[in-house]
Amino acid sequence: MSDKMLGVLGGMGPLASAQFMLRLTLLTPAKRDQDHIPAVLWSDPRVPDRSAARLSGGEDPLPWLARGVAGLKAAGAGAIAIPCNTAHGWYDELRAGTDLPILHIVDAAAEDLARQGIRSGRIGVMGTAGTLAMRLYQPRLEALGYEVIVPESAEMEALVTPGIALVKSNQVADAYAPLAEAAGNLRARGAAAVVLGCTEIPLGILAGPYAEIGVPLVDTIDALALASIRWARG
C-alpha cells in the first residue's frame, strides 16, 4: 500500500486522461482497494492547443498547465504525471515553478523500450506535429543510443494528424486505419519498435488488430502509468 498521492495533470485530451487512470489501476499489483495508488486527476480540456501554440502562435497553455500543477499540489499530490506528450514542451517551465517532481513521459517511454528488450537501433516515433517539431523525443532517445525516425510530412498530413483528431472527436474505431498505416510505414523504414508518442494514438491503435502492424509498440499511456507505479512504490 502506498501513502504517496499521485497528481495527474490531464484533460489533454479527456479520453487519454481517463485511459491513463484506467491503466494505472489495472497495471498496479493489488488484491484490494487499499493496495492501489492514491491519485487525484485534474482534467481540464480548456487548456489551449499545444501544437497550435508552438507551430502557429496560438494561445500559450503554460498558465493553464501551471494552474493545474498548483491545484494538484494543494490537493496533496507528491508528484505529477502528465498524460499528454506535447504538454512536455513546457516541462522545464513547469518544473521550475514547483518543488514537486514531474515524471517525464519520454523517459517513461525509454524505460518501456528497455523493458521490452529494445536497447538500441532504429526507433520510430509517432506524435502530434507539435511534439515532433519540438523534438521532444529525439535528444533523449539519441542520448541512449537509439536512432529516431518519424513520419514524413505527407504521412503526418494524411494519416497521423487526422487519426489523432478522430480520437479527440470520439471516433476511436475510425482512427485505427490511418494510425496503423503510419506505424507500418515506420516499420517498413527499419524501425525495430514504434513509440506511440501522443496519448491519443494508443487509443486508436488498440481499437483494431494492432498485432498485425508487426512491430513492438510503446504505449506512452502505459509507460507513464508504470513509471507512476514505480514512483509510488519507491
C-alpha atoms as a PDB file:
ATOM      1  CA  MET A   1       0.000   0.000   0.000  1.00  0.00           C
ATOM      2  CA  SER A   2       1.272   3.458  -0.918  1.00  0.00           C
ATOM      3  CA  ASP A   3       0.826   6.618   1.106  1.00  0.00           C
ATOM      4  CA  LYS A   4       2.024   8.749  -1.799  1.00  0.00           C
ATOM      5  CA  MET A   5      -0.598  10.762  -3.675  1.00  0.00           C
ATOM      6  CA  LEU A   6      -0.097  10.952  -7.451  1.00  0.00           C
ATOM      7  CA  GLY A   7      -1.280  14.092  -9.196  1.00  0.00           C
ATOM      8  CA  VAL A   8      -2.419  13.634 -12.806  1.00  0.00           C
ATOM      9  CA  LEU A   9      -2.423  16.758 -14.963  1.00  0.00           C
ATOM     10  CA  GLY A  10      -4.936  15.756 -17.612  1.00  0.00           C
ATOM     11  CA  GLY A  11      -7.672  16.829 -19.968  1.00  0.00           C
ATOM     12  CA  MET A  12      -5.286  16.810 -22.959  1.00  0.00           C
ATOM     13  CA  GLY A  13      -7.378  15.079 -24.158  1.00  0.00           C
ATOM     14  CA  PRO A  14     -10.021  13.897 -21.710  1.00  0.00           C
ATOM     15  CA  LEU A  15     -10.229  10.371 -23.116  1.00  0.00           C
ATOM     16  CA  ALA A  16      -6.471   9.889 -22.841  1.00  0.00           C
ATOM     17  CA  SER A  17      -6.606  11.031 -19.206  1.00  0.00           C
ATOM     18  CA  ALA A  18      -9.419   8.597 -18.449  1.00  0.00           C
ATOM     19  CA  GLN A  19      -7.442   5.799 -20.113  1.00  0.00           C
ATOM     20  CA  PHE A  20      -4.405   6.706 -18.023  1.00  0.00           C
ATOM     21  CA  MET A  21      -6.414   6.339 -14.811  1.00  0.00           C
ATOM     22  CA  LEU A  22      -7.775   3.002 -16.033  1.00  0.00           C
ATOM     23  CA  ARG A  23      -4.328   1.677 -16.937  1.00  0.00           C
ATOM     24  CA  LEU A  24      -2.818   2.982 -13.693  1.00  0.00           C
ATOM     25  CA  THR A  25      -5.392   0.895 -11.856  1.00  0.00           C
ATOM     26  CA  LEU A  26      -5.064  -2.237 -13.998  1.00  0.00           C
ATOM     27  CA  LEU A  27      -1.254  -2.227 -14.008  1.00  0.00           C
ATOM     28  CA  THR A  28      -0.957  -1.812 -10.228  1.00  0.00           C
ATOM     29  CA  PRO A  29      -0.313  -5.102  -8.412  1.00  0.00           C
ATOM     30  CA  ALA A  30      -3.224  -5.128  -5.978  1.00  0.00           C
ATOM     31  CA  LYS A  31      -5.576  -7.525  -4.221  1.00  0.00           C
ATOM     32  CA  ARG A  32      -7.862  -4.952  -2.596  1.00  0.00           C
ATOM     33  CA  ASP A  33      -8.837  -1.299  -2.872  1.00  0.00           C
ATOM     34  CA  GLN A  34      -6.281  -0.255  -0.294  1.00  0.00           C
ATOM     35  CA  ASP A  35      -3.393  -1.643  -2.364  1.00  0.00           C
ATOM     36  CA  HIS A  36      -3.946   0.890  -5.136  1.00  0.00           C
ATOM     37  CA  ILE A  37      -2.212   4.229  -5.575  1.00  0.00           C
ATOM     38  CA  PRO A  38      -3.956   7.317  -4.210  1.00  0.00           C
ATOM     39  CA  ALA A  39      -4.401   9.683  -7.141  1.00  0.00           C
ATOM     40  CA  VAL A  40      -6.167  12.898  -7.996  1.00  0.00           C
ATOM     41  CA  LEU A  41      -6.974  13.801 -11.614  1.00  0.00           C
ATOM     42  CA  TRP A  42      -7.045  17.407 -12.778  1.00  0.00           C
ATOM     43  CA  SER A  43      -8.798  17.078 -16.144  1.00  0.00           C
ATOM     44  CA  ASP A  44      -9.153  20.481 -17.768  1.00  0.00           C
ATOM     45  CA  PRO A  45      -9.857  20.255 -21.519  1.00  0.00           C
ATOM     46  CA  ARG A  46      -9.824  24.060 -21.765  1.00  0.00           C
ATOM     47  CA  VAL A  47      -6.011  24.061 -21.920  1.00  0.00           C
ATOM     48  CA  PRO A  48      -5.151  25.736 -25.235  1.00  0.00           C
ATOM     49  CA  ASP A  49      -3.949  23.527 -28.083  1.00  0.00           C
ATOM     50  CA  ARG A  50      -0.298  22.722 -27.503  1.00  0.00           C
ATOM     51  CA  SER A  51       0.655  22.159 -31.137  1.00  0.00           C
ATOM     52  CA  ALA A  52      -1.023  25.407 -32.210  1.00  0.00           C
ATOM     53  CA  ALA A  53       0.899  27.281 -29.525  1.00  0.00           C
ATOM     54  CA  ARG A  54       4.244  26.022 -30.826  1.00  0.00           C
ATOM     55  CA  LEU A  55       3.569  25.953 -34.553  1.00  0.00           C
ATOM     56  CA  SER A  56       1.342  28.929 -35.277  1.00  0.00           C
ATOM     57  CA  GLY A  57       1.474  31.338 -32.344  1.00  0.00           C
ATOM     58  CA  GLY A  58      -1.647  30.047 -30.617  1.00  0.00           C
ATOM     59  CA  GLU A  59      -2.559  30.842 -27.031  1.00  0.00           C
ATOM     60  CA  ASP A  60       0.101  29.897 -24.504  1.00  0.00           C
ATOM     61  CA  PRO A  61      -1.006  26.849 -22.473  1.00  0.00           C
ATOM     62  CA  LEU A  62       1.591  27.402 -19.740  1.00  0.00           C
ATOM     63  CA  PRO A  63      -0.642  29.438 -17.361  1.00  0.00           C
ATOM     64  CA  TRP A  64      -3.295  26.716 -17.593  1.00  0.00           C
ATOM     65  CA  LEU A  65      -0.755  23.953 -17.014  1.00  0.00           C
ATOM     66  CA  ALA A  66       0.809  25.791 -14.079  1.00  0.00           C
ATOM     67  CA  ARG A  67      -2.608  26.324 -12.504  1.00  0.00           C
ATOM     68  CA  GLY A  68      -3.224  22.582 -12.748  1.00  0.00           C
ATOM     69  CA  VAL A  69       0.086  21.790 -11.083  1.00  0.00           C
ATOM     70  CA  ALA A  70      -0.703  24.228  -8.270  1.00  0.00           C
ATOM     71  CA  GLY A  71      -4.158  22.710  -7.836  1.00  0.00           C
ATOM     72  CA  LEU A  72      -2.716  19.208  -7.638  1.00  0.00           C
ATOM     73  CA  LYS A  73      -0.166  20.301  -5.058  1.00  0.00           C
ATOM     74  CA  ALA A  74      -2.939  21.887  -2.991  1.00  0.00           C
ATOM     75  CA  ALA A  75      -4.818  18.573  -3.214  1.00  0.00           C
ATOM     76  CA  GLY A  76      -1.856  16.775  -1.641  1.00  0.00           C
ATOM     77  CA  ALA A  77      -0.015  15.398  -4.660  1.00  0.00           C
ATOM     78  CA  GLY A  78       3.566  14.302  -4.094  1.00  0.00           C
ATOM     79  CA  ALA A  79       4.444  14.008  -7.792  1.00  0.00           C
ATOM     80  CA  ILE A  80       2.886  14.920 -11.123  1.00  0.00           C
ATOM     81  CA  ALA A  81       2.228  12.751 -14.179  1.00  0.00           C
ATOM     82  CA  ILE A  82       1.123  14.420 -17.423  1.00  0.00           C
ATOM     83  CA  PRO A  83      -0.578  12.010 -19.861  1.00  0.00           C
ATOM     84  CA  CYS A  84      -0.025  14.352 -22.801  1.00  0.00           C
ATOM     85  CA  ASN A  85       3.205  14.214 -24.775  1.00  0.00           C
ATOM     86  CA  THR A  86       3.029  17.662 -26.373  1.00  0.00           C
ATOM     87  CA  ALA A  87       2.496  19.340 -22.987  1.00  0.00           C
ATOM     88  CA  HIS A  88       6.033  18.227 -22.130  1.00  0.00           C
ATOM     89  CA  GLY A  89       7.214  21.043 -24.372  1.00  0.00           C
ATOM     90  CA  TRP A  90       6.635  23.169 -21.247  1.00  0.00           C
ATOM     91  CA  TYR A  91       8.206  20.632 -18.877  1.00  0.00           C
ATOM     92  CA  ASP A  92      11.163  22.824 -17.908  1.00  0.00           C
ATOM     93  CA  GLU A  93       8.952  25.805 -17.105  1.00  0.00           C
ATOM     94  CA  LEU A  94       6.568  23.664 -15.050  1.00  0.00           C
ATOM     95  CA  ARG A  95       9.447  22.012 -13.219  1.00  0.00           C
ATOM     96  CA  ALA A  96      10.948  25.402 -12.384  1.00  0.00           C
ATOM     97  CA  GLY A  97       7.635  26.551 -10.936  1.00  0.00           C
ATOM     98  CA  THR A  98       7.097  23.747  -8.412  1.00  0.00           C
ATOM     99  CA  ASP A  99       9.012  21.729  -5.861  1.00  0.00           C
ATOM    100  CA  LEU A 100       7.107  18.586  -6.872  1.00  0.00           C
ATOM    101  CA  PRO A 101       8.813  16.003  -9.080  1.00  0.00           C
ATOM    102  CA  ILE A 102       7.234  15.760 -12.538  1.00  0.00           C
ATOM    103  CA  LEU A 103       7.577  12.398 -14.244  1.00  0.00           C
ATOM    104  CA  HIS A 104       8.747  12.784 -17.857  1.00  0.00           C
ATOM    105  CA  ILE A 105       6.763  10.778 -20.402  1.00  0.00           C
ATOM    106  CA  VAL A 106       9.729  10.448 -22.787  1.00  0.00           C
ATOM    107  CA  ASP A 107      11.869   8.942 -20.043  1.00  0.00           C
ATOM    108  CA  ALA A 108       8.992   6.588 -19.263  1.00  0.00           C
ATOM    109  CA  ALA A 109       8.864   5.559 -22.936  1.00  0.00           C
ATOM    110  CA  ALA A 110      12.610   4.878 -22.915  1.00  0.00           C
ATOM    111  CA  GLU A 111      12.207   2.700 -19.837  1.00  0.00           C
ATOM    112  CA  ASP A 112       9.461   0.779 -21.622  1.00  0.00           C
ATOM    113  CA  LEU A 113      11.688   0.204 -24.655  1.00  0.00           C
ATOM    114  CA  ALA A 114      14.307  -1.296 -22.334  1.00  0.00           C
ATOM    115  CA  ARG A 115      11.633  -3.364 -20.570  1.00  0.00           C
ATOM    116  CA  GLN A 116      10.743  -4.868 -23.941  1.00  0.00           C
ATOM    117  CA  GLY A 117      14.431  -5.680 -24.551  1.00  0.00           C
ATOM    118  CA  ILE A 118      14.958  -2.967 -27.167  1.00  0.00           C
ATOM    119  CA  ARG A 119      18.061  -1.093 -26.018  1.00  0.00           C
ATOM    120  CA  SER A 120      19.458   0.215 -29.320  1.00  0.00           C
ATOM    121  CA  GLY A 121      18.685   0.525 -33.013  1.00  0.00           C
ATOM    122  CA  ARG A 122      16.244   2.481 -35.120  1.00  0.00           C
ATOM    123  CA  ILE A 123      13.069   3.577 -33.339  1.00  0.00           C
ATOM    124  CA  GLY A 124      10.014   5.136 -34.929  1.00  0.00           C
ATOM    125  CA  VAL A 125       8.215   7.897 -33.061  1.00  0.00           C
ATOM    126  CA  MET A 126       4.669   8.988 -33.869  1.00  0.00           C
ATOM    127  CA  GLY A 127       3.222  12.101 -32.283  1.00  0.00           C
ATOM    128  CA  THR A 128       1.486  15.389 -32.869  1.00  0.00           C
ATOM    129  CA  ALA A 129       3.050  17.888 -35.232  1.00  0.00           C
ATOM    130  CA  GLY A 130       3.957  19.940 -32.158  1.00  0.00           C
ATOM    131  CA  THR A 131       5.707  17.072 -30.399  1.00  0.00           C
ATOM    132  CA  LEU A 132       7.773  16.250 -33.477  1.00  0.00           C
ATOM    133  CA  ALA A 133       8.587  19.896 -34.222  1.00  0.00           C
ATOM    134  CA  MET A 134       9.784  20.430 -30.651  1.00  0.00           C
ATOM    135  CA  ARG A 135      11.933  17.284 -30.930  1.00  0.00           C
ATOM    136  CA  LEU A 136      10.785  16.089 -27.522  1.00  0.00           C
ATOM    137  CA  TYR A 137      11.892  12.533 -28.205  1.00  0.00           C
ATOM    138  CA  GLN A 138      14.959  12.764 -30.398  1.00  0.00           C
ATOM    139  CA  PRO A 139      17.602  14.134 -27.972  1.00  0.00           C
ATOM    140  CA  ARG A 140      16.534  11.928 -25.055  1.00  0.00           C
ATOM    141  CA  LEU A 141      16.419   8.722 -27.099  1.00  0.00           C
ATOM    142  CA  GLU A 142      19.533   9.504 -29.125  1.00  0.00           C
ATOM    143  CA  ALA A 143      21.451  10.025 -25.881  1.00  0.00           C
ATOM    144  CA  LEU A 144      20.573   6.423 -25.012  1.00  0.00           C
ATOM    145  CA  GLY A 145      21.903   5.118 -28.321  1.00  0.00           C
ATOM    146  CA  TYR A 146      18.730   4.964 -30.401  1.00  0.00           C
ATOM    147  CA  GLU A 147      18.310   6.303 -33.941  1.00  0.00           C
ATOM    148  CA  VAL A 148      14.968   8.097 -34.190  1.00  0.00           C
ATOM    149  CA  ILE A 149      12.826   8.274 -37.308  1.00  0.00           C
ATOM    150  CA  VAL A 150       9.447   9.990 -37.626  1.00  0.00           C
ATOM    151  CA  PRO A 151       6.629  10.029 -40.196  1.00  0.00           C
ATOM    152  CA  GLU A 152       7.152  12.054 -43.359  1.00  0.00           C
ATOM    153  CA  SER A 153       5.304  15.348 -43.696  1.00  0.00           C
ATOM    154  CA  ALA A 154       2.813  13.819 -46.129  1.00  0.00           C
ATOM    155  CA  GLU A 155       2.136  10.965 -43.686  1.00  0.00           C
ATOM    156  CA  MET A 156       1.549  13.433 -40.870  1.00  0.00           C
ATOM    157  CA  GLU A 157      -0.930  15.366 -43.003  1.00  0.00           C
ATOM    158  CA  ALA A 158      -2.779  12.349 -44.406  1.00  0.00           C
ATOM    159  CA  LEU A 159      -2.580   9.804 -41.580  1.00  0.00           C
ATOM    160  CA  VAL A 160      -1.278  10.820 -38.163  1.00  0.00           C
ATOM    161  CA  THR A 161      -2.899  14.210 -37.609  1.00  0.00           C
ATOM    162  CA  PRO A 162      -6.305  13.042 -38.899  1.00  0.00           C
ATOM    163  CA  GLY A 163      -6.037   9.883 -36.772  1.00  0.00           C
ATOM    164  CA  ILE A 164      -5.385  11.910 -33.636  1.00  0.00           C
ATOM    165  CA  ALA A 165      -8.301  14.206 -34.497  1.00  0.00           C
ATOM    166  CA  LEU A 166     -10.610  11.202 -34.854  1.00  0.00           C
ATOM    167  CA  VAL A 167      -9.759  10.034 -31.339  1.00  0.00           C
ATOM    168  CA  LYS A 168     -10.298  13.511 -29.943  1.00  0.00           C
ATOM    169  CA  SER A 169     -13.749  13.566 -31.559  1.00  0.00           C
ATOM    170  CA  ASN A 170     -14.600  10.139 -30.031  1.00  0.00           C
ATOM    171  CA  GLN A 171     -14.409   8.341 -33.388  1.00  0.00           C
ATOM    172  CA  VAL A 172     -11.864   5.953 -31.950  1.00  0.00           C
ATOM    173  CA  ALA A 173     -12.524   2.930 -34.161  1.00  0.00           C
ATOM    174  CA  ASP A 174     -12.112   5.030 -37.315  1.00  0.00           C
ATOM    175  CA  ALA A 175      -8.682   6.169 -36.114  1.00  0.00           C
ATOM    176  CA  TYR A 176      -7.163   2.686 -36.331  1.00  0.00           C
ATOM    177  CA  ALA A 177      -6.616   2.508 -40.098  1.00  0.00           C
ATOM    178  CA  PRO A 178      -4.654   5.752 -40.606  1.00  0.00           C
ATOM    179  CA  LEU A 179      -2.607   5.367 -37.429  1.00  0.00           C
ATOM    180  CA  ALA A 180      -1.793   1.712 -38.116  1.00  0.00           C
ATOM    181  CA  GLU A 181      -0.736   2.592 -41.649  1.00  0.00           C
ATOM    182  CA  ALA A 182       1.652   5.249 -40.342  1.00  0.00           C
ATOM    183  CA  ALA A 183       3.130   2.818 -37.823  1.00  0.00           C
ATOM    184  CA  GLY A 184       3.503   0.197 -40.542  1.00  0.00           C
ATOM    185  CA  ASN A 185       5.342   2.703 -42.720  1.00  0.00           C
ATOM    186  CA  LEU A 186       7.859   3.286 -39.936  1.00  0.00           C
ATOM    187  CA  ARG A 187       8.341  -0.469 -39.619  1.00  0.00           C
ATOM    188  CA  ALA A 188       8.963  -0.641 -43.371  1.00  0.00           C
ATOM    189  CA  ARG A 189      11.672   2.009 -42.954  1.00  0.00           C
ATOM    190  CA  GLY A 190      13.505  -0.215 -40.488  1.00  0.00           C
ATOM    191  CA  ALA A 191      12.038   0.729 -37.112  1.00  0.00           C
ATOM    192  CA  ALA A 192      12.646  -2.000 -34.528  1.00  0.00           C
ATOM    193  CA  ALA A 193       9.825  -0.514 -32.437  1.00  0.00           C
ATOM    194  CA  VAL A 194       7.370   2.362 -32.694  1.00  0.00           C
ATOM    195  CA  VAL A 195       6.731   4.760 -29.830  1.00  0.00           C
ATOM    196  CA  LEU A 196       3.129   5.984 -29.795  1.00  0.00           C
ATOM    197  CA  GLY A 197       4.197   9.432 -28.670  1.00  0.00           C
ATOM    198  CA  CYS A 198       0.772  11.023 -28.393  1.00  0.00           C
ATOM    199  CA  THR A 199      -1.637   9.657 -25.811  1.00  0.00           C
ATOM    200  CA  GLU A 200      -4.480   9.658 -28.359  1.00  0.00           C
ATOM    201  CA  ILE A 201      -2.558   7.323 -30.682  1.00  0.00           C
ATOM    202  CA  PRO A 202      -2.641   4.205 -28.433  1.00  0.00           C
ATOM    203  CA  LEU A 203      -6.412   4.555 -28.161  1.00  0.00           C
ATOM    204  CA  GLY A 204      -6.756   4.462 -31.932  1.00  0.00           C
ATOM    205  CA  ILE A 205      -4.209   1.686 -32.423  1.00  0.00           C
ATOM    206  CA  LEU A 206      -5.816  -0.513 -29.755  1.00  0.00           C
ATOM    207  CA  ALA A 207      -9.190  -0.146 -31.490  1.00  0.00           C
ATOM    208  CA  GLY A 208      -8.078  -2.555 -34.218  1.00  0.00           C
ATOM    209  CA  PRO A 209      -5.850  -5.598 -34.841  1.00  0.00           C
ATOM    210  CA  TYR A 210      -2.680  -3.856 -33.712  1.00  0.00           C
ATOM    211  CA  ALA A 211      -0.636  -7.078 -33.667  1.00  0.00           C
ATOM    212  CA  GLU A 212      -0.865  -7.058 -37.467  1.00  0.00           C
ATOM    213  CA  ILE A 213       1.336  -3.953 -37.568  1.00  0.00           C
ATOM    214  CA  GLY A 214       4.201  -6.375 -36.992  1.00  0.00           C
ATOM    215  CA  VAL A 215       6.451  -4.280 -34.764  1.00  0.00           C
ATOM    216  CA  PRO A 216       6.720  -3.790 -30.976  1.00  0.00           C
ATOM    217  CA  LEU A 217       4.795  -0.745 -29.783  1.00  0.00           C
ATOM    218  CA  VAL A 218       5.390   1.559 -26.834  1.00  0.00           C
ATOM    219  CA  ASP A 219       2.072   2.806 -25.469  1.00  0.00           C
ATOM    220  CA  THR A 220       3.036   6.029 -23.696  1.00  0.00           C
ATOM    221  CA  ILE A 221      -0.090   5.864 -21.526  1.00  0.00           C
ATOM    222  CA  ASP A 222       1.045   2.506 -20.153  1.00  0.00           C
ATOM    223  CA  ALA A 223       4.667   3.634 -19.944  1.00  0.00           C
ATOM    224  CA  LEU A 224       3.731   6.666 -17.843  1.00  0.00           C
ATOM    225  CA  ALA A 225       1.429   4.557 -15.672  1.00  0.00           C
ATOM    226  CA  LEU A 226       4.262   2.104 -14.999  1.00  0.00           C
ATOM    227  CA  ALA A 227       6.617   4.975 -14.152  1.00  0.00           C
ATOM    228  CA  SER A 228       3.980   6.345 -11.770  1.00  0.00           C
ATOM    229  CA  ILE A 229       3.684   2.962 -10.064  1.00  0.00           C
ATOM    230  CA  ARG A 230       7.462   2.796  -9.660  1.00  0.00           C
ATOM    231  CA  TRP A 231       7.424   6.250  -8.084  1.00  0.00           C
ATOM    232  CA  ALA A 232       4.588   5.367  -5.711  1.00  0.00           C
ATOM    233  CA  ARG A 233       6.209   2.091  -4.647  1.00  0.00           C
ATOM    234  CA  GLY A 234       9.537   3.788  -4.076  1.00  0.00           C
END
